[in-house]
Amino acid sequence: GTPVTIDTNAAETLTTLVLNADDTNLDYTDEDGVTTQLDFTALVQNLETITTLVDNTDGTFTYTNEAGTPVTIDTNAAETLTTLVLNADDTNLDYTDEDGVTTQLDFTALVQNLETITTLVDNTDGTFTYTNEAGTPVTIDTNAAETLTTLVLNADDTNLDYTDEDGVTTQLDFTALIQNLETITTLVDNTDGTFTYTNEAGTPVTIDTNAAETLTTLVLNADDTNLDYTDEDGVTTQLDFTALVQNLETITTLVDNTDGTFTYTNEAGTPVTIDTNAAETLTTLVLNADDTNLDYTDEDGVTTQLDFTALVQNLETITTLVD
């Protein structure tokens, strides 16, 4: 309950951090007015990397990474994309092949052939009848299972009242427990810019605030482009990194030539043409007439029948509950 006054008037220092007029360096001015120029150009160039991608005109491309290691990419046998999505009816699947042709797959009959059903019926007398997948009924009696206990704060706002299943109330007094665990600390102002803190064990510690550093902030402006730096006096300086970023950034482009080819231009300005005309393949996936299997036809027209019966049966479980 003892008030303590903390005076931070003698602890104030001023620093500034602003963008230099060259739009590349940062100028940091410390508390003594000494300005240091921070040049990040070499740092950015050391971390910046250049990669190349060259078309070998035979369906392969050579990619050279930042370490100068070449890697050959062969697109001659590349697989094209198909999609399989749930229809808006939440029942069927829509399979779209490489030509954009959509086939609707109806799994209703397949699911009905493989699914199992269990039931749980309320007998309205405190018992329930559970019938498992095999049709075996089991009766569950809940009449003797219910017990009630309560734990509430006593009217004295100190003790807890615990009432068991038989209605017997026991008062729980935590006063002694809390007093045994409770600790006291103190903080005293020595009026010379220092404070004495005494911990729970009675050990005093002196805190000297005379040389304490004041706070500055650096936050992103609401325009999502500039940074706002606020110094110790509350003065805000807006830091615009637009020119700095533009001076250091690199640009790559990828242009669709509308004839099945694309032109990629890397950071060094080297164009590479990518030809996708020879990469197209066709596959289909449809439900067999038996409403159980799936027929998958690959790019060569070979059809493979996929039988999921064993898979479903392996994953299906049967449970029993015996009273």
Protein backbone atom coordinates (compact mmCIF):
# COMPACT_ATOMS: atom_id res chain seq x y z
CA GLY A 1 0.00 0.00 0.00
CA THR A 2 3.08 2.30 0.01
CA PRO A 3 3.21 4.71 -3.02
CA VAL A 4 6.57 5.15 -4.82
CA THR A 5 7.37 7.96 -7.30
CA ILE A 6 9.75 7.09 -10.21
CA ASP A 7 11.42 10.13 -11.88
CA THR A 8 12.71 9.41 -15.45
CA ASN A 9 13.45 13.07 -16.39
CA ALA A 10 17.24 12.56 -16.23
CA ALA A 11 17.11 9.43 -18.39
CA GLU A 12 16.07 11.00 -21.73
CA THR A 13 18.23 10.40 -24.85
CA LEU A 14 17.59 11.22 -28.53
CA THR A 15 18.41 9.11 -31.60
CA THR A 16 17.17 9.36 -35.24
CA LEU A 17 17.09 6.94 -38.17
CA VAL A 18 16.25 8.48 -41.60
CA LEU A 19 16.61 7.59 -45.28
CA ASN A 20 19.54 9.36 -46.96
CA ALA A 21 18.89 11.66 -49.97
CA ASP A 22 20.52 9.03 -52.25
CA ASP A 23 17.47 6.75 -51.62
CA THR A 24 19.88 3.87 -50.83
CA ASN A 25 21.59 4.41 -47.45
CA LEU A 26 20.17 4.98 -43.93
CA ASP A 27 21.55 7.75 -41.66
CA TYR A 28 21.64 6.89 -37.89
CA THR A 29 22.28 9.82 -35.50
CA ASP A 30 23.10 8.80 -31.90
CA GLU A 31 22.55 10.70 -28.61
CA ASP A 32 25.77 12.75 -29.11
CA GLY A 33 24.68 13.99 -32.56
CA VAL A 34 27.16 11.72 -34.39
CA THR A 35 25.72 10.49 -37.73
CA THR A 36 26.67 7.05 -39.12
CA GLN A 37 25.70 6.10 -42.70
CA LEU A 38 24.41 2.51 -43.08
CA ASP A 39 24.97 1.16 -46.63
CA PHE A 40 22.96 -2.02 -47.32
CA THR A 41 23.95 -2.27 -51.03
CA ALA A 42 26.73 -4.85 -50.53
CA LEU A 43 24.53 -6.86 -48.12
CA VAL A 44 21.71 -7.07 -50.69
CA GLN A 45 24.09 -7.93 -53.55
CA ASN A 46 25.75 -10.67 -51.44
CA LEU A 47 22.36 -12.26 -50.77
CA GLU A 48 20.94 -11.71 -54.29
CA THR A 49 21.18 -14.73 -56.63
CA ILE A 50 20.68 -15.29 -60.40
CA THR A 51 19.35 -18.49 -62.00
CA THR A 52 18.93 -19.41 -65.68
CA LEU A 53 16.55 -21.70 -67.61
CA VAL A 54 17.56 -22.69 -71.18
CA ASP A 55 15.35 -24.53 -73.74
CA ASN A 56 17.35 -27.35 -75.37
CA THR A 57 14.72 -27.51 -78.24
CA ASP A 58 14.29 -31.29 -77.74
CA GLY A 59 11.61 -31.20 -75.04
CA THR A 60 14.18 -30.73 -72.26
CA PHE A 61 15.28 -27.63 -70.37
CA THR A 62 18.53 -26.92 -68.50
CA TYR A 63 18.10 -25.10 -65.16
CA THR A 64 21.27 -23.62 -63.56
CA ASN A 65 20.88 -22.80 -59.84
CA GLU A 66 22.60 -20.13 -57.73
CA ALA A 67 25.68 -22.34 -57.23
CA GLY A 68 26.11 -22.75 -61.01
CA THR A 69 24.97 -26.41 -60.97
CA PRO A 70 23.02 -27.38 -64.15
CA VAL A 71 19.90 -29.60 -63.88
CA THR A 72 18.11 -31.08 -66.94
CA ILE A 73 14.27 -31.11 -66.87
CA ASP A 74 12.59 -33.56 -69.31
CA THR A 75 8.96 -32.64 -70.18
CA ASN A 76 8.48 -35.20 -72.99
CA ALA A 77 6.67 -37.69 -70.75
CA ALA A 78 5.03 -35.09 -68.51
CA GLU A 79 1.61 -35.95 -67.09
CA THR A 80 -1.20 -33.46 -67.75
CA LEU A 81 -3.77 -32.44 -65.16
CA THR A 82 -7.20 -33.86 -64.48
CA THR A 83 -9.66 -32.89 -61.71
CA LEU A 84 -11.95 -34.92 -59.43
CA VAL A 85 -14.34 -32.80 -57.32
CA LEU A 86 -17.54 -33.29 -55.31
CA ASN A 87 -20.65 -32.29 -57.25
CA ALA A 88 -22.95 -29.59 -55.84
CA ASP A 89 -25.49 -32.35 -55.00
CA ASP A 90 -23.07 -33.64 -52.31
CA THR A 91 -23.52 -37.17 -53.71
CA ASN A 92 -21.71 -37.58 -57.04
CA LEU A 93 -18.09 -36.90 -58.07
CA ASP A 94 -17.30 -34.90 -61.24
CA TYR A 95 -14.18 -36.13 -63.13
CA THR A 96 -12.83 -33.69 -65.76
CA ASP A 97 -10.22 -35.10 -68.19
CA GLU A 98 -7.47 -33.30 -70.11
CA ASP A 99 -9.91 -32.27 -72.88
CA GLY A 100 -12.25 -30.59 -70.39
CA VAL A 101 -14.86 -33.39 -70.71
CA THR A 102 -16.66 -33.95 -67.38
CA THR A 103 -17.94 -37.41 -66.36
CA GLN A 104 -20.25 -37.73 -63.34
CA LEU A 105 -19.40 -40.68 -61.04
CA ASP A 106 -22.38 -41.90 -58.98
CA PHE A 107 -21.21 -43.92 -55.95
CA THR A 108 -24.70 -44.35 -54.48
CA ALA A 109 -25.08 -48.01 -55.46
CA LEU A 110 -21.45 -48.80 -54.48
CA VAL A 111 -21.91 -47.32 -50.99
CA GLN A 112 -25.23 -49.08 -50.48
CA ASN A 113 -23.64 -52.42 -51.45
CA LEU A 114 -20.82 -52.00 -48.89
CA GLU A 115 -22.35 -49.98 -46.00
CA THR A 116 -23.58 -51.35 -42.63
CA ILE A 117 -26.24 -49.95 -40.23
CA THR A 118 -26.44 -49.85 -36.43
CA THR A 119 -29.36 -48.56 -34.33
CA LEU A 120 -29.83 -47.20 -30.79
CA VAL A 121 -33.42 -47.09 -29.47
CA ASP A 122 -34.65 -45.35 -26.27
CA ASN A 123 -37.03 -47.73 -24.44
CA THR A 124 -38.40 -44.77 -22.31
CA ASP A 125 -37.78 -46.70 -19.06
CA GLY A 126 -34.16 -45.68 -18.49
CA THR A 127 -32.83 -48.40 -20.81
CA PHE A 128 -31.61 -48.30 -24.44
CA THR A 129 -31.40 -51.09 -27.03
CA TYR A 130 -28.30 -51.03 -29.28
CA THR A 131 -28.31 -53.24 -32.40
CA ASN A 132 -24.88 -53.71 -34.04
CA GLU A 133 -23.94 -54.41 -37.71
CA ALA A 134 -24.58 -58.13 -37.25
CA GLY A 135 -28.15 -57.47 -36.00
CA THR A 136 -27.40 -58.45 -32.39
CA PRO A 137 -29.44 -56.38 -29.83
CA VAL A 138 -27.86 -55.26 -26.54
CA THR A 139 -29.79 -53.57 -23.68
CA ILE A 140 -28.07 -50.70 -21.81
CA ASP A 141 -29.52 -49.86 -18.35
CA THR A 142 -28.69 -46.30 -17.11
CA ASN A 143 -31.05 -46.26 -14.08
CA ALA A 144 -28.32 -46.97 -11.49
CA ALA A 145 -25.59 -44.87 -13.10
CA GLU A 146 -26.55 -41.31 -12.09
CA THR A 147 -24.76 -39.50 -9.20
CA LEU A 148 -24.78 -35.77 -8.29
CA THR A 149 -22.16 -33.68 -6.48
CA THR A 150 -21.82 -29.89 -6.07
CA LEU A 151 -18.92 -27.52 -5.24
CA VAL A 152 -19.98 -23.92 -4.45
CA LEU A 153 -18.54 -20.82 -2.72
CA ASN A 154 -19.79 -20.41 0.85
CA ALA A 155 -21.70 -17.24 1.82
CA ASP A 156 -18.60 -16.10 3.81
CA ASP A 157 -16.75 -15.64 0.47
CA THR A 158 -13.82 -17.62 1.93
CA ASN A 159 -14.67 -21.34 2.13
CA LEU A 160 -15.92 -23.83 -0.46
CA ASP A 161 -18.87 -26.16 0.29
CA TYR A 162 -18.62 -29.66 -1.28
CA THR A 163 -21.85 -31.73 -1.24
CA ASP A 164 -21.47 -35.46 -2.13
CA GLU A 165 -23.99 -37.91 -3.68
CA ASP A 166 -25.59 -38.58 -0.27
CA GLY A 167 -26.25 -34.88 0.40
CA VAL A 168 -23.44 -34.59 2.99
CA THR A 169 -21.77 -31.13 2.88
CA THR A 170 -18.07 -30.68 3.75
CA GLN A 171 -16.62 -27.18 4.20
CA LEU A 172 -13.19 -26.70 2.60
CA ASP A 173 -11.13 -23.92 4.26
CA PHE A 174 -8.17 -22.81 2.10
CA THR A 175 -7.13 -19.88 4.37
CA ALA A 176 -4.10 -21.61 5.94
CA LEU A 177 -2.99 -23.05 2.60
CA ILE A 178 -3.02 -19.60 0.94
CA GLN A 179 -1.18 -17.96 3.86
CA ASN A 180 1.54 -20.62 3.70
CA LEU A 181 2.09 -19.95 -0.01
CA GLU A 182 1.64 -16.15 0.06
CA THR A 183 4.79 -13.98 -0.29
CA ILE A 184 5.49 -10.22 0.13
CA THR A 185 7.92 -8.04 -1.87
CA THR A 186 8.80 -4.31 -1.52
CA LEU A 187 10.10 -1.56 -3.86
CA VAL A 188 11.62 1.59 -2.23
CA ASP A 189 12.62 4.86 -4.03
CA ASN A 190 16.08 5.96 -2.77
CA THR A 191 15.48 9.52 -4.24
CA ASP A 192 18.79 9.39 -6.15
CA GLY A 193 17.57 7.71 -9.33
CA THR A 194 17.90 4.23 -7.79
CA PHE A 195 15.32 1.87 -6.29
CA THR A 196 15.72 -0.99 -3.79
CA TYR A 197 13.68 -4.14 -4.54
CA THR A 198 13.40 -6.75 -1.75
CA ASN A 199 12.21 -10.20 -2.95
CA GLU A 200 10.27 -12.91 -1.07
CA ALA A 201 13.46 -14.25 0.53
CA GLY A 202 14.31 -10.78 1.95
CA THR A 203 17.21 -10.23 -0.48
CA PRO A 204 17.59 -6.53 -1.51
CA VAL A 205 18.44 -5.62 -5.13
CA THR A 206 19.36 -2.06 -6.26
CA ILE A 207 17.95 -0.85 -9.61
CA ASP A 208 19.76 2.16 -11.20
CA THR A 209 17.64 4.09 -13.77
CA ASN A 210 20.03 7.03 -14.26
CA ALA A 211 21.47 5.63 -17.50
CA ALA A 212 18.27 4.01 -18.67
CA GLU A 213 17.55 4.08 -22.42
CA THR A 214 14.25 5.62 -23.56
CA LEU A 215 11.92 4.03 -26.09
CA THR A 216 11.54 4.61 -29.83
CA THR A 217 9.10 2.92 -32.24
CA LEU A 218 9.31 1.82 -35.87
CA VAL A 219 5.95 0.72 -37.39
CA LEU A 220 4.44 0.15 -40.84
CA ASN A 221 2.37 3.11 -42.04
CA ALA A 222 -1.32 2.61 -42.92
CA ASP A 223 -0.40 2.99 -46.63
CA ASP A 224 1.45 -0.40 -46.40
CA THR A 225 4.49 1.22 -48.09
CA ASN A 226 6.30 3.58 -45.70
CA LEU A 227 7.70 3.07 -42.16
CA ASP A 228 6.94 5.58 -39.38
CA TYR A 229 9.85 6.12 -36.93
CA THR A 230 8.89 7.89 -33.67
CA ASP A 231 11.78 9.18 -31.51
CA GLU A 232 11.94 9.81 -27.75
CA ASP A 233 10.29 13.25 -28.10
CA GLY A 234 7.30 11.78 -29.95
CA VAL A 235 8.44 13.23 -33.30
CA THR A 236 7.45 10.91 -36.21
CA THR A 237 9.60 10.63 -39.35
CA GLN A 238 8.22 8.79 -42.39
CA LEU A 239 10.76 6.48 -44.08
CA ASP A 240 9.98 5.84 -47.78
CA PHE A 241 11.84 2.74 -49.05
CA THR A 242 10.19 2.80 -52.52
CA ALA A 243 13.26 4.14 -54.36
CA LEU A 244 15.63 1.91 -52.35
CA VAL A 245 13.65 -1.22 -53.24
CA GLN A 246 13.37 -0.22 -56.90
CA ASN A 247 17.15 0.33 -57.08
CA LEU A 248 17.89 -3.15 -55.69
CA GLU A 249 15.00 -5.35 -56.97
CA THR A 250 15.06 -7.71 -60.02
CA ILE A 251 12.16 -8.64 -62.38
CA THR A 252 11.32 -11.82 -64.33
CA THR A 253 8.45 -12.26 -66.85
CA LEU A 254 6.44 -15.19 -68.30
CA VAL A 255 4.43 -14.41 -71.49
CA ASP A 256 1.78 -16.67 -73.14
CA ASN A 257 2.46 -16.71 -76.92
CA THR A 258 -1.12 -18.09 -77.55
CA ASP A 259 0.27 -20.96 -79.67
CA GLY A 260 0.97 -23.45 -76.90
CA THR A 261 4.34 -21.87 -76.07
CA PHE A 262 5.45 -19.51 -73.29
CA THR A 263 8.41 -17.09 -73.20
CA TYR A 264 10.24 -16.84 -69.82
CA THR A 265 12.69 -13.91 -69.34
CA ASN A 266 15.00 -14.29 -66.29
CA GLU A 267 16.68 -11.64 -64.10
CA ALA A 268 19.53 -11.25 -66.64
CA GLY A 269 17.03 -10.47 -69.47
CA THR A 270 17.60 -13.82 -71.26
CA PRO A 271 14.38 -15.10 -73.00
CA VAL A 272 13.57 -18.85 -73.01
CA THR A 273 10.67 -20.41 -75.01
CA ILE A 274 8.76 -23.29 -73.35
CA ASP A 275 6.74 -25.54 -75.74
CA THR A 276 3.87 -27.51 -74.10
CA ASN A 277 2.24 -28.77 -77.34
CA ALA A 278 3.80 -32.26 -77.10
CA ALA A 279 3.00 -32.81 -73.41
CA GLU A 280 -0.74 -33.68 -73.62
CA THR A 281 -2.00 -37.16 -72.52
CA LEU A 282 -5.50 -38.56 -71.89
CA THR A 283 -6.78 -40.74 -69.02
CA THR A 284 -10.31 -41.66 -67.83
CA LEU A 285 -11.77 -42.93 -64.51
CA VAL A 286 -15.39 -44.22 -64.58
CA LEU A 287 -17.69 -46.39 -62.43
CA ASN A 288 -18.03 -49.96 -63.77
CA ALA A 289 -21.53 -51.27 -64.69
CA ASP A 290 -21.40 -53.56 -61.59
CA ASP A 291 -21.73 -50.41 -59.40
CA THR A 292 -18.81 -51.65 -57.31
CA ASN A 293 -15.52 -51.32 -59.22
CA LEU A 294 -13.81 -48.33 -60.94
CA ASP A 295 -12.34 -48.63 -64.49
CA TYR A 296 -9.13 -46.59 -65.06
CA THR A 297 -8.00 -46.17 -68.72
CA ASP A 298 -4.44 -44.85 -69.17
CA GLU A 299 -2.91 -42.83 -72.05
CA ASP A 300 -2.32 -46.02 -74.12
CA GLY A 301 -6.00 -47.06 -73.90
CA VAL A 302 -5.26 -49.88 -71.41
CA THR A 303 -8.13 -50.31 -68.88
CA THR A 304 -7.44 -51.46 -65.30
CA GLN A 305 -10.32 -52.46 -63.01
CA LEU A 306 -9.96 -51.09 -59.45
CA ASP A 307 -11.83 -53.26 -56.90
CA PHE A 308 -12.24 -51.44 -53.57
CA THR A 309 -14.36 -54.17 -51.94
CA ALA A 310 -11.48 -55.77 -50.02
CA LEU A 311 -10.13 -52.35 -49.03
CA VAL A 312 -13.50 -51.28 -47.61
CA GLN A 313 -13.96 -54.61 -45.80
CA ASN A 314 -10.45 -54.39 -44.31
CA LEU A 315 -11.19 -50.92 -42.95
CA GLU A 316 -14.79 -51.72 -41.88
CA THR A 317 -15.22 -52.67 -38.22
CA ILE A 318 -17.94 -54.51 -36.29
CA THR A 319 -18.48 -53.67 -32.64
CA THR A 320 -20.49 -55.47 -29.95
CA LEU A 321 -21.60 -54.29 -26.54
CA VAL A 322 -22.64 -56.97 -24.02
CA ASP A 323 -24.36 -56.10 -20.72
